[in-house]
Amino acid sequence: MTRRGEWMDWDKLRVFHAVAEAGSFTHAGDTLNLSQSAVSRQISALEESLSVPLFHRHARGLILTEQGEILFHTARDVFGKLGMAQARISDSRDQPRGPLKITTTVAFGSLWLTPRLKEFIELYPEIGVTVVLDDGELDLSMREADVAIRMMPPRQPDLVQRHLTTMHYHVYAAPEYLKVHGVPKTPEDLDDHRIIIWGQDGRPPVHRVNWLLEAGLRPNVTRTPILKVNNIYGILRAVQSGLGLAALPGYLADEATNMVEVLPELRGPAFDAYFVYPEELRHSKRIAVFRDFLIRKIGGAQPA
């Protein structure tokens, strides 16, 4: 271990944290703007000062040792708290400023959120906005993002959540598809149509996500999908291409072009959107102004 009175070098700890997250010297070097050899030297020096190996070196990458795991979990906690401190210091001024990292799903972020950020950035030019589109859940408590817009209640207990709106699934097709295959008049007519559904890989966005395979299904009939995609935005693009029809959240069709709603009386599962952030950022001015902006925009144009 380090000798008594000797502090662990912060630069080396920062490099170690990046390597542990990236799983290789090369990828960590890309993140840190350092060469692979410089990263390797920093790790070797840290291991020497601690007198323990932190990684098992393999041809396919790096694996943390038991001691490395202990240091990594501590480093994540330290850097997370430092990020929180930086955010609170930035928010101590009157004008909201500083970094704001927002995460949400690929579909909602691409179609609904990003077109509206121009107005927010012009209102608050001293807030540096970053958007991370990911259908998984980034760990807000570890500062992988500051706030999240999620389509289900957060599972982490230490997060503040604000309900934004309730949305529904509707059935959509492209005009080109309907011109060739006709417009279904009843749910039973779906037996004769090409249906695009959610694929098996990945986490479904709602319960019974593939309800369209069963809506109005006649006895002894099985509907075979024309395509499976494990991403809502991917399903949208397939529908726009004229391949088939699909069930999609209403906000997508409102924002997208080349979409026609069919069987308007037929509605699928409802789901709720939430604005989520860590308890530590409850009094952040950046969070507050973005929350208010989001509520105003959703209230002005309620996603269906």
Protein backbone atom coordinates (compact mmCIF):
# COMPACT_ATOMS: atom_id res chain seq x y z
CA MET A 1 0.00 0.00 0.00
CA THR A 2 1.09 3.65 -0.12
CA ARG A 3 3.62 4.60 2.49
CA ARG A 4 2.34 6.44 5.60
CA GLY A 5 1.89 10.12 4.89
CA GLU A 6 1.92 9.59 1.10
CA TRP A 7 -1.25 10.61 -0.73
CA MET A 8 -2.56 8.73 -3.75
CA ASP A 9 -1.86 10.71 -6.92
CA TRP A 10 -5.13 12.19 -8.29
CA ASP A 11 -3.95 12.12 -11.89
CA LYS A 12 -3.13 8.42 -11.63
CA LEU A 13 -6.46 7.73 -9.94
CA ARG A 14 -8.27 9.56 -12.74
CA VAL A 15 -6.43 7.46 -15.33
CA PHE A 16 -7.19 4.28 -13.39
CA HIS A 17 -10.91 5.15 -13.26
CA ALA A 18 -10.97 5.73 -17.02
CA VAL A 19 -9.14 2.45 -17.74
CA ALA A 20 -11.44 0.46 -15.44
CA GLU A 21 -14.52 1.87 -17.20
CA ALA A 22 -13.12 1.45 -20.72
CA GLY A 23 -11.58 -1.99 -20.21
CA SER A 24 -8.43 -1.14 -22.18
CA PHE A 25 -5.51 1.27 -22.21
CA THR A 26 -6.27 2.30 -25.80
CA HIS A 27 -9.91 3.28 -25.23
CA ALA A 28 -9.04 5.05 -21.99
CA GLY A 29 -6.31 6.95 -23.82
CA ASP A 30 -8.84 8.11 -26.42
CA THR A 31 -11.06 9.44 -23.64
CA LEU A 32 -8.21 11.15 -21.80
CA ASN A 33 -6.30 12.40 -24.86
CA LEU A 34 -3.27 10.36 -23.83
CA SER A 35 -1.23 7.77 -25.69
CA GLN A 36 -1.60 4.10 -24.82
CA SER A 37 1.95 4.02 -23.45
CA ALA A 38 1.31 7.05 -21.21
CA VAL A 39 -1.81 5.42 -19.79
CA SER A 40 0.05 2.14 -19.22
CA ARG A 41 2.88 3.96 -17.41
CA GLN A 42 0.41 5.73 -15.11
CA ILE A 43 -1.27 2.44 -14.19
CA SER A 44 2.06 0.69 -13.60
CA ALA A 45 3.19 3.56 -11.36
CA LEU A 46 -0.07 3.41 -9.38
CA GLU A 47 0.26 -0.36 -8.94
CA GLU A 48 3.86 0.10 -7.79
CA SER A 49 2.89 2.76 -5.24
CA LEU A 50 0.13 0.49 -3.89
CA SER A 51 2.26 -2.67 -4.11
CA VAL A 52 -0.66 -4.63 -5.61
CA PRO A 53 -1.77 -5.46 -9.17
CA LEU A 54 -4.98 -3.66 -10.17
CA PHE A 55 -5.62 -5.45 -13.48
CA HIS A 56 -5.18 -8.90 -14.98
CA ARG A 57 -3.71 -8.32 -18.44
CA HIS A 58 -5.23 -10.50 -21.18
CA ALA A 59 -4.93 -10.44 -24.95
CA ARG A 60 -8.63 -9.50 -25.21
CA GLY A 61 -8.50 -6.72 -22.61
CA LEU A 62 -8.17 -5.93 -18.93
CA ILE A 63 -9.98 -7.44 -15.95
CA LEU A 64 -9.93 -5.84 -12.52
CA THR A 65 -8.27 -7.78 -9.71
CA GLU A 66 -9.98 -8.00 -6.33
CA GLN A 67 -7.94 -5.01 -5.13
CA GLY A 68 -8.73 -3.21 -8.38
CA GLU A 69 -12.46 -3.72 -7.81
CA ILE A 70 -12.18 -2.16 -4.34
CA LEU A 71 -10.34 0.86 -5.70
CA PHE A 72 -12.70 1.22 -8.68
CA HIS A 73 -15.85 1.33 -6.54
CA THR A 74 -14.22 3.91 -4.26
CA ALA A 75 -13.02 6.00 -7.23
CA ARG A 76 -16.53 5.99 -8.78
CA ASP A 77 -17.95 7.26 -5.52
CA VAL A 78 -15.28 9.94 -5.16
CA PHE A 79 -15.60 11.26 -8.71
CA GLY A 80 -19.39 11.17 -8.47
CA LYS A 81 -19.31 13.31 -5.32
CA LEU A 82 -16.80 15.68 -6.88
CA GLY A 83 -19.16 16.12 -9.83
CA MET A 84 -22.02 16.87 -7.44
CA ALA A 85 -19.87 19.44 -5.64
CA GLN A 86 -18.94 21.09 -8.93
CA ALA A 87 -22.61 21.27 -9.92
CA ARG A 88 -23.63 22.84 -6.60
CA ILE A 89 -20.82 25.40 -6.83
CA SER A 90 -21.91 26.30 -10.38
CA ASP A 91 -25.50 26.68 -9.18
CA SER A 92 -24.54 28.99 -6.32
CA ARG A 93 -24.61 31.95 -8.71
CA ASP A 94 -27.78 33.82 -9.65
CA GLN A 95 -27.76 32.90 -13.34
CA PRO A 96 -28.22 29.17 -14.13
CA ARG A 97 -24.97 27.96 -15.65
CA GLY A 98 -22.70 24.97 -15.90
CA PRO A 99 -22.98 21.54 -17.52
CA LEU A 100 -26.33 19.77 -17.88
CA LYS A 101 -26.25 16.19 -19.14
CA ILE A 102 -29.70 14.90 -20.14
CA THR A 103 -30.47 11.27 -20.95
CA THR A 104 -33.60 9.81 -22.50
CA THR A 105 -34.63 7.12 -24.97
CA VAL A 106 -33.41 7.15 -28.56
CA ALA A 107 -36.89 7.71 -29.97
CA PHE A 108 -38.08 10.44 -27.61
CA GLY A 109 -34.74 12.22 -27.69
CA SER A 110 -34.41 12.13 -31.47
CA LEU A 111 -37.98 13.06 -32.41
CA TRP A 112 -39.34 15.17 -29.56
CA LEU A 113 -36.59 16.55 -27.32
CA THR A 114 -33.69 17.66 -29.52
CA PRO A 115 -35.78 19.86 -31.86
CA ARG A 116 -36.90 21.85 -28.81
CA LEU A 117 -33.47 22.37 -27.27
CA LYS A 118 -32.62 25.33 -29.52
CA GLU A 119 -35.09 27.47 -27.58
CA PHE A 120 -33.77 26.28 -24.20
CA ILE A 121 -30.13 26.92 -25.14
CA GLU A 122 -31.00 30.42 -26.39
CA LEU A 123 -32.83 31.12 -23.11
CA TYR A 124 -29.92 29.83 -20.99
CA PRO A 125 -26.70 30.25 -22.97
CA GLU A 126 -24.51 29.64 -19.91
CA ILE A 127 -25.84 26.09 -19.48
CA GLY A 128 -23.76 23.60 -21.45
CA VAL A 129 -26.21 20.94 -22.67
CA THR A 130 -25.23 17.37 -23.47
CA VAL A 131 -27.80 14.78 -24.57
CA VAL A 132 -27.18 11.04 -24.17
CA LEU A 133 -29.70 8.88 -26.05
CA ASP A 134 -29.83 5.41 -24.57
CA ASP A 135 -32.72 2.96 -24.23
CA GLY A 136 -31.04 1.57 -21.11
CA GLU A 137 -30.96 3.39 -17.78
CA LEU A 138 -27.86 5.44 -17.04
CA ASP A 139 -26.92 5.57 -13.37
CA LEU A 140 -27.82 9.09 -12.22
CA SER A 141 -26.46 8.53 -8.72
CA MET A 142 -23.04 7.92 -10.30
CA ARG A 143 -23.39 11.10 -12.41
CA GLU A 144 -23.57 9.26 -15.73
CA ALA A 145 -26.16 11.98 -16.38
CA ASP A 146 -27.71 14.81 -14.38
CA VAL A 147 -31.35 14.29 -15.35
CA ALA A 148 -33.37 11.69 -17.21
CA ILE A 149 -36.68 11.62 -19.08
CA ARG A 150 -37.88 8.04 -18.67
CA MET A 151 -40.88 6.17 -19.94
CA MET A 152 -41.39 4.24 -16.71
CA PRO A 153 -40.94 4.98 -12.98
CA PRO A 154 -37.28 4.94 -11.88
CA ARG A 155 -36.13 1.84 -10.06
CA GLN A 156 -33.44 3.59 -8.02
CA PRO A 157 -34.82 4.64 -4.62
CA ASP A 158 -32.65 7.77 -4.22
CA LEU A 159 -34.06 9.68 -7.19
CA VAL A 160 -36.58 12.51 -7.33
CA GLN A 161 -39.29 11.96 -9.95
CA ARG A 162 -41.86 14.27 -11.52
CA HIS A 163 -44.68 12.84 -13.63
CA LEU A 164 -44.74 14.61 -16.99
CA THR A 165 -47.52 13.06 -19.06
CA THR A 166 -49.34 9.87 -20.04
CA MET A 167 -48.96 8.61 -23.60
CA HIS A 168 -50.73 5.96 -25.67
CA TYR A 169 -49.89 3.64 -28.52
CA HIS A 170 -51.73 4.07 -31.84
CA VAL A 171 -51.53 2.29 -35.19
CA TYR A 172 -49.66 3.97 -38.05
CA ALA A 173 -48.67 3.32 -41.65
CA ALA A 174 -47.09 5.26 -44.50
CA PRO A 175 -49.30 6.55 -47.34
CA GLU A 176 -47.31 4.41 -49.80
CA TYR A 177 -48.11 1.27 -47.82
CA LEU A 178 -51.84 2.07 -47.63
CA LYS A 179 -51.95 2.81 -51.36
CA VAL A 180 -50.68 -0.70 -52.12
CA HIS A 181 -52.29 -2.73 -49.33
CA GLY A 182 -55.42 -0.75 -48.54
CA VAL A 183 -56.60 0.81 -45.28
CA PRO A 184 -57.77 -1.60 -42.55
CA LYS A 185 -61.34 -0.72 -41.52
CA THR A 186 -61.60 -3.02 -38.49
CA PRO A 187 -59.08 -4.70 -36.16
CA GLU A 188 -59.97 -8.01 -37.86
CA ASP A 189 -58.60 -6.61 -41.14
CA LEU A 190 -55.11 -6.66 -39.59
CA ASP A 191 -55.03 -10.40 -40.39
CA ASP A 192 -54.35 -9.38 -43.99
CA HIS A 193 -51.68 -6.75 -43.32
CA ARG A 194 -47.93 -6.59 -42.79
CA ILE A 195 -47.19 -5.87 -39.14
CA ILE A 196 -43.89 -4.62 -37.71
CA ILE A 197 -43.34 -5.47 -34.04
CA TRP A 198 -40.85 -5.14 -31.19
CA GLY A 199 -38.03 -7.69 -31.34
CA GLN A 200 -37.12 -10.11 -28.60
CA ASP A 201 -33.76 -8.56 -27.67
CA GLY A 202 -33.67 -5.60 -25.33
CA ARG A 203 -36.07 -4.32 -22.70
CA PRO A 204 -39.63 -3.76 -24.04
CA PRO A 205 -40.82 -0.17 -23.59
CA VAL A 206 -44.26 -1.25 -22.26
CA HIS A 207 -46.04 -4.38 -21.11
CA ARG A 208 -47.72 -6.26 -24.00
CA VAL A 209 -45.73 -4.21 -26.48
CA ASN A 210 -46.79 -6.52 -29.36
CA TRP A 211 -50.53 -6.23 -28.68
CA LEU A 212 -51.15 -5.52 -32.36
CA LEU A 213 -50.57 -9.20 -33.15
CA GLU A 214 -53.71 -10.03 -31.11
CA ALA A 215 -56.04 -7.05 -31.64
CA GLY A 216 -59.22 -8.32 -33.37
CA LEU A 217 -57.57 -11.65 -34.16
CA ARG A 218 -59.97 -14.16 -35.72
CA PRO A 219 -60.18 -17.70 -34.26
CA ASN A 220 -57.54 -20.16 -35.50
CA VAL A 221 -55.54 -17.38 -37.19
CA THR A 222 -51.93 -16.51 -36.40
CA ARG A 223 -50.37 -13.22 -37.46
CA THR A 224 -46.74 -13.45 -38.54
CA PRO A 225 -44.83 -10.15 -38.36
CA ILE A 226 -43.03 -8.90 -41.45
CA LEU A 227 -40.19 -7.48 -39.30
CA LYS A 228 -39.01 -7.39 -35.68
CA VAL A 229 -36.98 -4.44 -34.38
CA ASN A 230 -35.85 -3.94 -30.77
CA ASN A 231 -35.94 -0.14 -30.93
CA ILE A 232 -38.98 2.14 -31.26
CA TYR A 233 -37.15 4.60 -33.50
CA GLY A 234 -36.15 1.71 -35.77
CA ILE A 235 -39.80 0.60 -35.99
CA LEU A 236 -40.79 4.16 -36.90
CA ARG A 237 -38.26 4.26 -39.75
CA ALA A 238 -39.46 0.92 -41.06
CA VAL A 239 -43.06 2.19 -41.09
CA GLN A 240 -42.00 5.38 -42.87
CA SER A 241 -40.33 3.27 -45.56
CA GLY A 242 -43.71 1.71 -46.43
CA LEU A 243 -42.78 -1.79 -45.27
CA GLY A 244 -45.81 -2.29 -43.02
CA LEU A 245 -47.89 -0.85 -40.20
CA ALA A 246 -47.03 -0.78 -36.50
CA ALA A 247 -48.14 0.37 -33.07
CA LEU A 248 -46.18 3.46 -32.00
CA PRO A 249 -46.44 6.12 -29.27
CA GLY A 250 -48.53 9.06 -30.43
CA TYR A 251 -45.76 11.63 -29.91
CA LEU A 252 -43.63 9.91 -32.55
CA ALA A 253 -46.21 10.28 -35.29
CA ASP A 254 -46.89 13.87 -34.27
CA GLU A 255 -43.23 14.72 -34.82
CA ALA A 256 -42.49 12.45 -37.79
CA THR A 257 -43.44 12.87 -41.44
CA ASN A 258 -44.99 10.34 -43.83
CA MET A 259 -47.25 8.82 -41.17
CA VAL A 260 -50.99 8.14 -41.24
CA GLU A 261 -53.00 6.90 -38.26
CA VAL A 262 -55.25 3.93 -39.04
CA LEU A 263 -57.94 2.38 -36.87
CA PRO A 264 -58.06 5.51 -34.65
CA GLU A 265 -60.49 3.85 -32.27
CA LEU A 266 -57.86 1.20 -31.50
CA ARG A 267 -55.51 2.18 -28.68
CA GLY A 268 -52.71 0.17 -27.16
CA PRO A 269 -51.10 0.30 -23.72
CA ALA A 270 -50.63 3.62 -21.95
CA PHE A 271 -47.33 4.58 -20.39
CA ASP A 272 -46.09 7.48 -18.28
CA ALA A 273 -43.13 9.79 -18.83
CA TYR A 274 -41.14 11.00 -15.81
CA PHE A 275 -38.55 13.69 -15.20
CA VAL A 276 -35.94 12.18 -12.88
CA TYR A 277 -32.84 13.51 -11.09
CA PRO A 278 -30.74 12.75 -7.99
CA GLU A 279 -31.78 14.05 -4.59
CA GLU A 280 -28.48 15.97 -4.35
CA LEU A 281 -29.56 18.18 -7.27
CA ARG A 282 -32.95 19.06 -5.82
CA HIS A 283 -31.94 22.73 -5.38
CA SER A 284 -29.99 23.05 -8.63
CA LYS A 285 -31.00 26.09 -10.71
CA ARG A 286 -30.00 24.31 -13.92
CA ILE A 287 -32.28 21.40 -13.10
CA ALA A 288 -35.14 23.71 -12.08
CA VAL A 289 -35.12 25.78 -15.26
CA PHE A 290 -34.89 22.72 -17.49
CA ARG A 291 -37.71 21.00 -15.58
CA ASP A 292 -39.93 24.08 -15.94
CA PHE A 293 -39.08 24.36 -19.64
CA LEU A 294 -39.91 20.70 -20.19
CA ILE A 295 -43.24 20.92 -18.36
CA ARG A 296 -44.17 24.02 -20.35
CA LYS A 297 -43.35 22.36 -23.67
CA ILE A 298 -45.18 19.13 -22.87
CA GLY A 299 -48.15 21.06 -21.53
CA GLY A 300 -48.30 23.22 -24.64
CA ALA A 301 -48.18 20.26 -27.00
CA GLN A 302 -49.29 17.23 -25.03
CA PRO A 303 -47.75 14.02 -26.44
CA ALA A 304 -50.63 11.65 -27.16
